[in-house]
Amino acid sequence: MRIGELAAAVGVSTRAVRHYHQLGLLPEPERLGNGYRDYRLRHAVVLARIRRLTELGLGLTEVRDVLADEAGKDLVEVLTELDEDLARQETAIRERRARLRALLETEGGLTAEGPVSPALAALFRDTAHLSDSPMAAKDREMLALIETAAPPEERERLMGLLGAMVGAPGGAERARAVYA
């Protein structure tokens, strides 16, 4: 069987087959007199296994380790790690969707330059009456940028500090004086 036939049989591109050869995942077959590779059934089996493992989310380095392990011990270990990673991703996606829903429910709508978290959106809403000065607008833009780029723990700390400053006795008056 030629490379195109092998690739079509397994459902990968000929380029992928060559790439797997270069990485040592798929053994090179014997060549015919005309220089063409002569693939056998065992090549199709190995290639199908590579495809199946990559579809599960394994990286090519992990696939190499699994293929090198005759007893299949590494496969169980690798698949367990993959399952744990997918569970973490699933949790992160659920949290992101909850934040997105909260933002979509924000009163007054969202602007492109506005906050991306419900906490900052609420803070902006609660402090909008303090000042409409250009400096206050720039500060809100800067806070939105910081909040977008900062890691989650830093965002929480920032929101805590800002909330405490605004909520402190005399906080609103101090903000008005700064932006006057």
N, C-alpha and C. Protein backbone atom coordinates (compact mmCIF):
# COMPACT_ATOMS: atom_id res chain seq x y z
N MET A 1 0.86 -1.16 0.00
CA MET A 1 0.00 0.00 0.00
C MET A 1 0.91 1.23 0.00
N ARG A 2 0.54 2.24 -0.77
CA ARG A 2 1.30 3.49 -0.84
C ARG A 2 0.84 4.45 0.26
N ILE A 3 1.59 5.55 0.42
CA ILE A 3 1.32 6.49 1.50
C ILE A 3 -0.08 7.10 1.40
N GLY A 4 -0.52 7.42 0.20
CA GLY A 4 -1.85 8.00 0.02
C GLY A 4 -2.95 7.02 0.40
N GLU A 5 -2.74 5.77 0.04
CA GLU A 5 -3.73 4.74 0.38
C GLU A 5 -3.79 4.52 1.89
N LEU A 6 -2.62 4.48 2.52
CA LEU A 6 -2.55 4.31 3.97
C LEU A 6 -3.25 5.48 4.67
N ALA A 7 -2.91 6.69 4.25
CA ALA A 7 -3.49 7.89 4.87
C ALA A 7 -5.01 7.89 4.72
N ALA A 8 -5.50 7.56 3.53
CA ALA A 8 -6.94 7.54 3.29
C ALA A 8 -7.62 6.45 4.12
N ALA A 9 -6.98 5.31 4.24
CA ALA A 9 -7.57 4.20 5.01
C ALA A 9 -7.74 4.55 6.48
N VAL A 10 -6.80 5.30 7.02
CA VAL A 10 -6.83 5.63 8.45
C VAL A 10 -7.51 6.99 8.70
N GLY A 11 -7.59 7.83 7.67
CA GLY A 11 -8.24 9.12 7.84
C GLY A 11 -7.32 10.23 8.29
N VAL A 12 -6.08 10.19 7.83
CA VAL A 12 -5.12 11.26 8.13
C VAL A 12 -4.54 11.74 6.81
N SER A 13 -3.79 12.82 6.86
CA SER A 13 -3.16 13.33 5.64
C SER A 13 -1.82 12.62 5.41
N THR A 14 -1.35 12.67 4.18
CA THR A 14 -0.03 12.10 3.89
C THR A 14 1.05 12.88 4.63
N ARG A 15 0.80 14.17 4.81
CA ARG A 15 1.75 14.99 5.56
C ARG A 15 1.87 14.50 7.01
N ALA A 16 0.74 14.12 7.60
CA ALA A 16 0.76 13.60 8.98
C ALA A 16 1.57 12.31 9.04
N VAL A 17 1.39 11.45 8.04
CA VAL A 17 2.15 10.19 8.01
C VAL A 17 3.65 10.49 7.98
N ARG A 18 4.06 11.40 7.12
CA ARG A 18 5.48 11.76 7.04
C ARG A 18 5.98 12.37 8.36
N HIS A 19 5.13 13.19 8.97
CA HIS A 19 5.49 13.81 10.25
C HIS A 19 5.69 12.73 11.32
N TYR A 20 4.81 11.75 11.35
CA TYR A 20 4.94 10.66 12.33
C TYR A 20 6.20 9.84 12.08
N HIS A 21 6.59 9.72 10.81
CA HIS A 21 7.87 9.06 10.50
C HIS A 21 9.03 9.86 11.09
N GLN A 22 9.02 11.18 10.85
CA GLN A 22 10.10 12.04 11.34
C GLN A 22 10.23 11.99 12.85
N LEU A 23 9.10 11.88 13.54
CA LEU A 23 9.12 11.85 15.01
C LEU A 23 9.43 10.46 15.56
N GLY A 24 9.44 9.48 14.68
CA GLY A 24 9.73 8.12 15.12
C GLY A 24 8.51 7.40 15.68
N LEU A 25 7.33 7.94 15.48
CA LEU A 25 6.11 7.29 15.96
C LEU A 25 5.71 6.13 15.05
N LEU A 26 5.88 6.32 13.77
CA LEU A 26 5.50 5.31 12.79
C LEU A 26 6.77 4.81 12.11
N PRO A 27 7.03 3.51 12.21
CA PRO A 27 8.27 3.00 11.60
C PRO A 27 8.25 3.16 10.08
N GLU A 28 9.41 3.42 9.53
CA GLU A 28 9.55 3.54 8.07
C GLU A 28 9.37 2.15 7.46
N PRO A 29 8.56 2.05 6.41
CA PRO A 29 8.41 0.75 5.74
C PRO A 29 9.55 0.51 4.75
N GLU A 30 9.59 -0.69 4.25
CA GLU A 30 10.57 -0.98 3.20
C GLU A 30 10.17 -0.20 1.96
N ARG A 31 11.15 0.04 1.11
CA ARG A 31 10.87 0.77 -0.13
C ARG A 31 10.91 -0.20 -1.31
N LEU A 32 10.06 0.09 -2.26
CA LEU A 32 10.02 -0.70 -3.48
C LEU A 32 11.18 -0.29 -4.38
N GLY A 33 11.36 -0.98 -5.46
CA GLY A 33 12.44 -0.68 -6.39
C GLY A 33 12.37 0.73 -6.95
N ASN A 34 11.16 1.27 -7.06
CA ASN A 34 11.00 2.62 -7.59
C ASN A 34 11.14 3.70 -6.51
N GLY A 35 11.44 3.29 -5.26
CA GLY A 35 11.64 4.24 -4.17
C GLY A 35 10.40 4.53 -3.34
N TYR A 36 9.25 4.02 -3.79
CA TYR A 36 8.02 4.25 -3.03
C TYR A 36 8.02 3.42 -1.76
N ARG A 37 7.41 3.98 -0.73
CA ARG A 37 7.25 3.23 0.52
C ARG A 37 6.19 2.15 0.31
N ASP A 38 6.43 1.00 0.92
CA ASP A 38 5.50 -0.13 0.81
C ASP A 38 4.92 -0.42 2.20
N TYR A 39 3.75 0.17 2.48
CA TYR A 39 3.14 0.02 3.80
C TYR A 39 2.40 -1.31 3.90
N ARG A 40 2.44 -1.88 5.08
CA ARG A 40 1.76 -3.14 5.38
C ARG A 40 0.63 -2.88 6.38
N LEU A 41 -0.09 -3.91 6.70
CA LEU A 41 -1.20 -3.81 7.63
C LEU A 41 -0.74 -3.31 9.00
N ARG A 42 0.43 -3.75 9.44
CA ARG A 42 0.92 -3.33 10.76
C ARG A 42 1.12 -1.82 10.82
N HIS A 43 1.49 -1.19 9.70
CA HIS A 43 1.64 0.26 9.66
C HIS A 43 0.27 0.94 9.84
N ALA A 44 -0.74 0.37 9.19
CA ALA A 44 -2.10 0.93 9.32
C ALA A 44 -2.59 0.82 10.76
N VAL A 45 -2.28 -0.29 11.42
CA VAL A 45 -2.70 -0.48 12.82
C VAL A 45 -2.02 0.55 13.72
N VAL A 46 -0.72 0.73 13.56
CA VAL A 46 0.01 1.71 14.37
C VAL A 46 -0.50 3.12 14.09
N LEU A 47 -0.69 3.45 12.82
CA LEU A 47 -1.18 4.77 12.45
C LEU A 47 -2.58 5.02 13.02
N ALA A 48 -3.44 4.02 12.98
CA ALA A 48 -4.78 4.17 13.55
C ALA A 48 -4.71 4.40 15.06
N ARG A 49 -3.78 3.73 15.70
CA ARG A 49 -3.61 3.91 17.15
C ARG A 49 -3.11 5.33 17.45
N ILE A 50 -2.18 5.82 16.65
CA ILE A 50 -1.68 7.20 16.83
C ILE A 50 -2.84 8.18 16.69
N ARG A 51 -3.63 7.98 15.65
CA ARG A 51 -4.77 8.87 15.42
C ARG A 51 -5.75 8.82 16.59
N ARG A 52 -6.06 7.64 17.06
CA ARG A 52 -7.02 7.49 18.16
C ARG A 52 -6.51 8.17 19.43
N LEU A 53 -5.22 8.00 19.72
CA LEU A 53 -4.64 8.60 20.93
C LEU A 53 -4.60 10.13 20.83
N THR A 54 -4.27 10.65 19.65
CA THR A 54 -4.25 12.11 19.50
C THR A 54 -5.66 12.68 19.57
N GLU A 55 -6.64 11.96 19.07
CA GLU A 55 -8.03 12.42 19.16
C GLU A 55 -8.50 12.47 20.61
N LEU A 56 -7.92 11.63 21.46
CA LEU A 56 -8.25 11.66 22.89
C LEU A 56 -7.60 12.85 23.59
N GLY A 57 -6.67 13.51 22.90
CA GLY A 57 -6.05 14.69 23.48
C GLY A 57 -4.61 14.49 23.91
N LEU A 58 -4.04 13.35 23.63
CA LEU A 58 -2.64 13.12 24.00
C LEU A 58 -1.73 13.87 23.05
N GLY A 59 -0.65 14.40 23.58
CA GLY A 59 0.37 15.03 22.76
C GLY A 59 1.22 13.94 22.11
N LEU A 60 1.96 14.31 21.09
CA LEU A 60 2.74 13.31 20.36
C LEU A 60 3.84 12.69 21.22
N THR A 61 4.37 13.43 22.19
CA THR A 61 5.36 12.86 23.10
C THR A 61 4.72 11.77 23.94
N GLU A 62 3.49 12.04 24.41
CA GLU A 62 2.78 11.03 25.20
C GLU A 62 2.43 9.82 24.34
N VAL A 63 2.05 10.07 23.09
CA VAL A 63 1.74 8.96 22.18
C VAL A 63 2.97 8.08 22.00
N ARG A 64 4.14 8.71 21.85
CA ARG A 64 5.38 7.95 21.70
C ARG A 64 5.61 7.05 22.92
N ASP A 65 5.40 7.61 24.12
CA ASP A 65 5.58 6.83 25.34
C ASP A 65 4.62 5.66 25.40
N VAL A 66 3.37 5.90 25.03
CA VAL A 66 2.36 4.83 25.05
C VAL A 66 2.72 3.75 24.05
N LEU A 67 3.13 4.14 22.85
CA LEU A 67 3.48 3.15 21.83
C LEU A 67 4.71 2.35 22.22
N ALA A 68 5.63 2.96 22.96
CA ALA A 68 6.86 2.27 23.38
C ALA A 68 6.60 1.29 24.51
N ASP A 69 5.49 1.48 25.22
CA ASP A 69 5.17 0.63 26.37
C ASP A 69 4.37 -0.58 25.90
N GLU A 70 5.03 -1.71 25.80
CA GLU A 70 4.39 -2.93 25.30
C GLU A 70 3.24 -3.41 26.18
N ALA A 71 3.36 -3.28 27.50
CA ALA A 71 2.36 -3.82 28.41
C ALA A 71 1.15 -2.90 28.55
N GLY A 72 1.24 -1.68 28.06
CA GLY A 72 0.11 -0.76 28.14
C GLY A 72 -0.05 -0.09 29.49
N LYS A 73 0.97 -0.19 30.35
CA LYS A 73 0.87 0.42 31.68
C LYS A 73 0.81 1.94 31.57
N ASP A 74 1.62 2.50 30.70
CA ASP A 74 1.65 3.95 30.55
C ASP A 74 0.32 4.49 30.03
N LEU A 75 -0.37 3.71 29.22
CA LEU A 75 -1.62 4.17 28.64
C LEU A 75 -2.64 4.49 29.73
N VAL A 76 -2.77 3.60 30.71
CA VAL A 76 -3.72 3.84 31.80
C VAL A 76 -3.34 5.10 32.56
N GLU A 77 -2.06 5.25 32.84
CA GLU A 77 -1.57 6.42 33.56
C GLU A 77 -1.82 7.70 32.76
N VAL A 78 -1.51 7.67 31.49
CA VAL A 78 -1.68 8.85 30.64
C VAL A 78 -3.15 9.20 30.50
N LEU A 79 -4.01 8.20 30.31
CA LEU A 79 -5.43 8.47 30.16
C LEU A 79 -6.04 8.99 31.46
N THR A 80 -5.56 8.51 32.59
CA THR A 80 -6.03 9.02 33.88
C THR A 80 -5.66 10.49 34.03
N GLU A 81 -4.42 10.84 33.69
CA GLU A 81 -4.00 12.24 33.75
C GLU A 81 -4.82 13.10 32.80
N LEU A 82 -5.10 12.57 31.62
CA LEU A 82 -5.89 13.31 30.64
C LEU A 82 -7.30 13.54 31.17
N ASP A 83 -7.88 12.53 31.79
CA ASP A 83 -9.22 12.66 32.36
C ASP A 83 -9.24 13.73 33.46
N GLU A 84 -8.22 13.73 34.30
CA GLU A 84 -8.13 14.74 35.37
C GLU A 84 -7.98 16.14 34.79
N ASP A 85 -7.18 16.27 33.74
CA ASP A 85 -7.00 17.56 33.09
C ASP A 85 -8.31 18.04 32.47
N LEU A 86 -9.03 17.14 31.83
CA LEU A 86 -10.32 17.51 31.23
C LEU A 86 -11.32 17.93 32.30
N ALA A 87 -11.28 17.27 33.46
CA ALA A 87 -12.17 17.65 34.56
C ALA A 87 -11.85 19.06 35.04
N ARG A 88 -10.55 19.40 35.13
CA ARG A 88 -10.16 20.76 35.52
C ARG A 88 -10.64 21.78 34.48
N GLN A 89 -10.48 21.43 33.21
CA GLN A 89 -10.93 22.34 32.15
C GLN A 89 -12.44 22.53 32.20
N GLU A 90 -13.15 21.44 32.48
CA GLU A 90 -14.61 21.50 32.57
C GLU A 90 -15.04 22.44 33.69
N THR A 91 -14.37 22.35 34.83
CA THR A 91 -14.66 23.23 35.97
C THR A 91 -14.38 24.68 35.59
N ALA A 92 -13.25 24.92 34.95
CA ALA A 92 -12.89 26.28 34.54
C ALA A 92 -13.91 26.84 33.55
N ILE A 93 -14.37 26.02 32.64
CA ILE A 93 -15.37 26.47 31.66
C ILE A 93 -16.68 26.81 32.36
N ARG A 94 -17.10 25.98 33.32
CA ARG A 94 -18.32 26.27 34.07
C ARG A 94 -18.21 27.62 34.79
N GLU A 95 -17.04 27.87 35.41
CA GLU A 95 -16.83 29.14 36.11
C GLU A 95 -16.86 30.32 35.14
N ARG A 96 -16.24 30.16 33.99
CA ARG A 96 -16.23 31.23 32.99
C ARG A 96 -17.64 31.51 32.49
N ARG A 97 -18.42 30.45 32.28
CA ARG A 97 -19.79 30.64 31.81
C ARG A 97 -20.64 31.34 32.85
N ALA A 98 -20.42 31.04 34.12
CA ALA A 98 -21.16 31.72 35.19
C ALA A 98 -20.82 33.21 35.21
N ARG A 99 -19.53 33.55 35.06
CA ARG A 99 -19.14 34.96 35.00
C ARG A 99 -19.76 35.65 33.78
N LEU A 100 -19.77 34.94 32.67
CA LEU A 100 -20.36 35.48 31.44
C LEU A 100 -21.85 35.75 31.63
N ARG A 101 -22.56 34.79 32.23
CA ARG A 101 -23.99 35.00 32.48
C ARG A 101 -24.22 36.22 33.37
N ALA A 102 -23.39 36.35 34.41
CA ALA A 102 -23.53 37.50 35.31
C ALA A 102 -23.29 38.81 34.57
N LEU A 103 -22.32 38.82 33.67
CA LEU A 103 -22.06 40.04 32.88
C LEU A 103 -23.23 40.35 31.95
N LEU A 104 -23.78 39.31 31.34
CA LEU A 104 -24.89 39.52 30.41
C LEU A 104 -26.12 40.07 31.14
N GLU A 105 -26.21 39.78 32.41
CA GLU A 105 -27.35 40.25 33.21
C GLU A 105 -27.08 41.62 33.83
N THR A 106 -25.93 42.22 33.53
CA THR A 106 -25.57 43.53 34.09
C THR A 106 -26.56 44.58 33.60
N GLU A 107 -27.07 45.34 34.55
CA GLU A 107 -28.01 46.41 34.20
C GLU A 107 -27.27 47.52 33.46
N GLY A 108 -27.95 48.14 32.52
CA GLY A 108 -27.36 49.27 31.81
C GLY A 108 -26.51 48.85 30.62
N GLY A 109 -26.39 47.56 30.38
CA GLY A 109 -25.63 47.09 29.24
C GLY A 109 -24.13 47.14 29.43
N LEU A 110 -23.42 46.65 28.46
CA LEU A 110 -21.96 46.60 28.50
C LEU A 110 -21.40 47.38 27.33
N THR A 111 -20.27 48.02 27.56
CA THR A 111 -19.59 48.71 26.47
C THR A 111 -18.31 47.95 26.16
N ALA A 112 -17.77 48.18 24.99
CA ALA A 112 -16.54 47.48 24.60
C ALA A 112 -15.38 47.82 25.52
N GLU A 113 -15.37 49.05 26.05
CA GLU A 113 -14.28 49.47 26.93
C GLU A 113 -14.57 49.17 28.39
N GLY A 114 -15.72 48.63 28.67
CA GLY A 114 -16.16 48.44 30.05
C GLY A 114 -15.53 47.24 30.73
N PRO A 115 -15.98 46.97 31.94
CA PRO A 115 -15.43 45.88 32.74
C PRO A 115 -15.85 44.52 32.18
N VAL A 116 -15.08 43.51 32.53
CA VAL A 116 -15.40 42.16 32.08
C VAL A 116 -15.77 41.25 33.24
N SER A 117 -15.85 41.78 34.44
CA SER A 117 -16.28 40.96 35.57
C SER A 117 -17.50 41.60 36.21
N PRO A 118 -18.37 40.78 36.76
CA PRO A 118 -19.55 41.32 37.44
C PRO A 118 -19.16 42.24 38.60
N ALA A 119 -18.09 41.91 39.32
CA ALA A 119 -17.68 42.73 40.47
C ALA A 119 -17.28 44.13 40.03
N LEU A 120 -16.48 44.25 38.97
CA LEU A 120 -16.07 45.57 38.51
C LEU A 120 -17.24 46.32 37.88
N ALA A 121 -18.11 45.59 37.17
CA ALA A 121 -19.30 46.23 36.60
C ALA A 121 -20.16 46.83 37.71
N ALA A 122 -20.32 46.10 38.81
CA ALA A 122 -21.10 46.61 39.94
C ALA A 122 -20.42 47.82 40.57
N LEU A 123 -19.10 47.76 40.70
CA LEU A 123 -18.36 48.89 41.28
C LEU A 123 -18.52 50.13 40.41
N PHE A 124 -18.39 49.97 39.10
CA PHE A 124 -18.56 51.11 38.19
C PHE A 124 -19.99 51.66 38.29
N ARG A 125 -20.96 50.76 38.35
CA ARG A 125 -22.35 51.19 38.44
C ARG A 125 -22.59 51.97 39.75
N ASP A 126 -22.04 51.45 40.84
CA ASP A 126 -22.26 52.08 42.16
C ASP A 126 -21.50 53.39 42.34
N THR A 127 -20.46 53.61 41.54
CA THR A 127 -19.66 54.83 41.70
C THR A 127 -19.83 55.81 40.54
N ALA A 128 -20.70 55.50 39.61
CA ALA A 128 -20.87 56.35 38.42
C ALA A 128 -21.28 57.77 38.79
N HIS A 129 -22.02 57.92 39.87
CA HIS A 129 -22.51 59.24 40.27
C HIS A 129 -21.42 60.13 40.88
N LEU A 130 -20.26 59.55 41.21
CA LEU A 130 -19.23 60.32 41.90
C LEU A 130 -18.54 61.34 40.99
N SER A 131 -18.29 60.96 39.74
CA SER A 131 -17.61 61.90 38.84
C SER A 131 -17.73 61.43 37.41
N ASP A 132 -17.86 62.40 36.51
CA ASP A 132 -17.82 62.09 35.09
C ASP A 132 -16.63 62.79 34.43
N SER A 133 -15.62 63.10 35.24
CA SER A 133 -14.44 63.80 34.73
C SER A 133 -13.63 62.88 33.82
N PRO A 134 -12.84 63.47 32.91
CA PRO A 134 -11.97 62.67 32.04
C PRO A 134 -10.99 61.80 32.85
N MET A 135 -10.52 62.31 33.97
CA MET A 135 -9.59 61.54 34.80
C MET A 135 -10.28 60.30 35.38
N ALA A 136 -11.52 60.45 35.82
CA ALA A 136 -12.27 59.31 36.35
C ALA A 136 -12.51 58.28 35.24
N ALA A 137 -12.81 58.76 34.03
CA ALA A 137 -13.02 57.85 32.90
C ALA A 137 -11.74 57.07 32.60
N LYS A 138 -10.59 57.75 32.62
CA LYS A 138 -9.30 57.08 32.38
C LYS A 138 -9.01 56.05 33.47
N ASP A 139 -9.33 56.41 34.72
CA ASP A 139 -9.12 55.46 35.81
C ASP A 139 -9.99 54.21 35.62
N ARG A 140 -11.23 54.40 35.18
CA ARG A 140 -12.11 53.25 34.94
C ARG A 140 -11.54 52.38 33.82
N GLU A 141 -11.04 53.02 32.76
CA GLU A 141 -10.42 52.26 31.66
C GLU A 141 -9.22 51.47 32.16
N MET A 142 -8.38 52.12 32.98
CA MET A 142 -7.19 51.45 33.51
C MET A 142 -7.59 50.27 34.40
N LEU A 143 -8.59 50.46 35.23
CA LEU A 143 -9.06 49.37 36.10
C LEU A 143 -9.60 48.21 35.26
N ALA A 144 -10.32 48.53 34.18
CA ALA A 144 -10.83 47.47 33.30
C ALA A 144 -9.68 46.70 32.66
N LEU A 145 -8.62 47.42 32.27
CA LEU A 145 -7.45 46.75 31.68
C LEU A 145 -6.76 45.86 32.71
N ILE A 146 -6.51 46.41 33.89
CA ILE A 146 -5.84 45.63 34.94
C ILE A 146 -6.66 44.40 35.28
N GLU A 147 -7.97 44.61 35.39
CA GLU A 147 -8.85 43.51 35.75
C GLU A 147 -8.85 42.43 34.67
N THR A 148 -8.70 42.82 33.43
CA THR A 148 -8.66 41.85 32.33
C THR A 148 -7.36 41.06 32.32
N ALA A 149 -6.25 41.72 32.60
CA ALA A 149 -4.94 41.08 32.47
C ALA A 149 -4.45 40.40 33.74
N ALA A 150 -4.99 40.77 34.88
CA ALA A 150 -4.48 40.26 36.16
C ALA A 150 -4.94 38.83 36.41
N PRO A 151 -4.13 38.05 37.12
CA PRO A 151 -4.55 36.70 37.52
C PRO A 151 -5.75 36.78 38.48
N PRO A 152 -6.54 35.72 38.60
CA PRO A 152 -7.75 35.74 39.42
C PRO A 152 -7.53 36.23 40.85
N GLU A 153 -6.45 35.79 41.50
CA GLU A 153 -6.23 36.20 42.90
C GLU A 153 -5.94 37.69 43.00
N GLU A 154 -5.25 38.25 42.01
CA GLU A 154 -4.99 39.69 42.00
C GLU A 154 -6.27 40.47 41.75
N ARG A 155 -7.14 39.94 40.87
CA ARG A 155 -8.42 40.60 40.61
C ARG A 155 -9.26 40.67 41.88
N GLU A 156 -9.30 39.55 42.60
CA GLU A 156 -10.08 39.51 43.85
C GLU A 156 -9.52 40.52 44.85
N ARG A 157 -8.19 40.58 44.96
CA ARG A 157 -7.57 41.50 45.90
C ARG A 157 -7.89 42.95 45.49
N LEU A 158 -7.79 43.25 44.20
CA LEU A 158 -8.09 44.59 43.69
C LEU A 158 -9.54 44.98 43.99
N MET A 159 -10.47 44.07 43.72
CA MET A 159 -11.88 44.36 43.96
C MET A 159 -12.14 44.58 45.45
N GLY A 160 -11.46 43.81 46.29
CA GLY A 160 -11.60 43.98 47.74
C GLY A 160 -11.11 45.35 48.19
N LEU A 161 -9.95 45.75 47.69
CA LEU A 161 -9.40 47.07 48.05
C LEU A 161 -10.29 48.21 47.57
N LEU A 162 -10.72 48.13 46.31
CA LEU A 162 -11.57 49.20 45.77
C LEU A 162 -12.90 49.28 46.50
N GLY A 163 -13.49 48.12 46.76
CA GLY A 163 -14.76 48.09 47.49
C GLY A 163 -14.61 48.68 48.88
N ALA A 164 -13.50 48.36 49.55
CA ALA A 164 -13.27 48.89 50.90
C ALA A 164 -13.06 50.40 50.86
N MET A 165 -12.34 50.89 49.85
CA MET A 165 -12.10 52.34 49.75
C MET A 165 -13.40 53.10 49.51
N VAL A 166 -14.21 52.60 48.59
CA VAL A 166 -15.45 53.28 48.26
C VAL A 166 -16.45 53.16 49.40
N GLY A 167 -16.46 52.00 50.05
CA GLY A 167 -17.43 51.77 51.12
C GLY A 167 -17.03 52.35 52.47
N ALA A 168 -15.80 52.79 52.61
CA ALA A 168 -15.33 53.34 53.88
C ALA A 168 -16.03 54.67 54.17
N PRO A 169 -16.19 54.99 55.45
CA PRO A 169 -16.80 56.29 55.78
C PRO A 169 -16.01 57.42 55.12
N GLY A 170 -16.70 58.26 54.40
CA GLY A 170 -16.07 59.39 53.73
C GLY A 170 -15.41 59.03 52.42
N GLY A 171 -15.50 57.77 51.99
CA GLY A 171 -14.86 57.33 50.74
C GLY A 171 -15.41 58.02 49.52
N ALA A 172 -16.72 58.16 49.46
CA ALA A 172 -17.34 58.82 48.30
C ALA A 172 -16.91 60.29 48.22
N GLU A 173 -16.85 60.95 49.37
CA GLU A 173 -16.44 62.36 49.38
C GLU A 173 -14.99 62.51 48.92
N ARG A 174 -14.13 61.61 49.38
CA ARG A 174 -12.72 61.67 48.96
C ARG A 174 -12.60 61.46 47.45
N ALA A 175 -13.39 60.53 46.90
CA ALA A 175 -13.36 60.28 45.46
C ALA A 175 -13.81 61.52 44.69
N ARG A 176 -14.87 62.16 45.16
CA ARG A 176 -15.34 63.38 44.50
C ARG A 176 -14.26 64.46 44.52
N ALA A 177 -13.56 64.59 45.65
CA ALA A 177 -12.51 65.61 45.79
C ALA A 177 -11.34 65.31 44.85
N VAL A 178 -10.97 64.06 44.72
CA VAL A 178 -9.85 63.68 43.84
C VAL A 178 -10.19 64.01 42.39
N TYR A 179 -11.42 63.75 41.98
CA TYR A 179 -11.81 63.94 40.59
C TYR A 179 -12.38 65.33 40.30
N ALA A 180 -12.40 66.21 41.30
CA ALA A 180 -12.98 67.56 41.10
C ALA A 180 -12.10 68.41 40.20
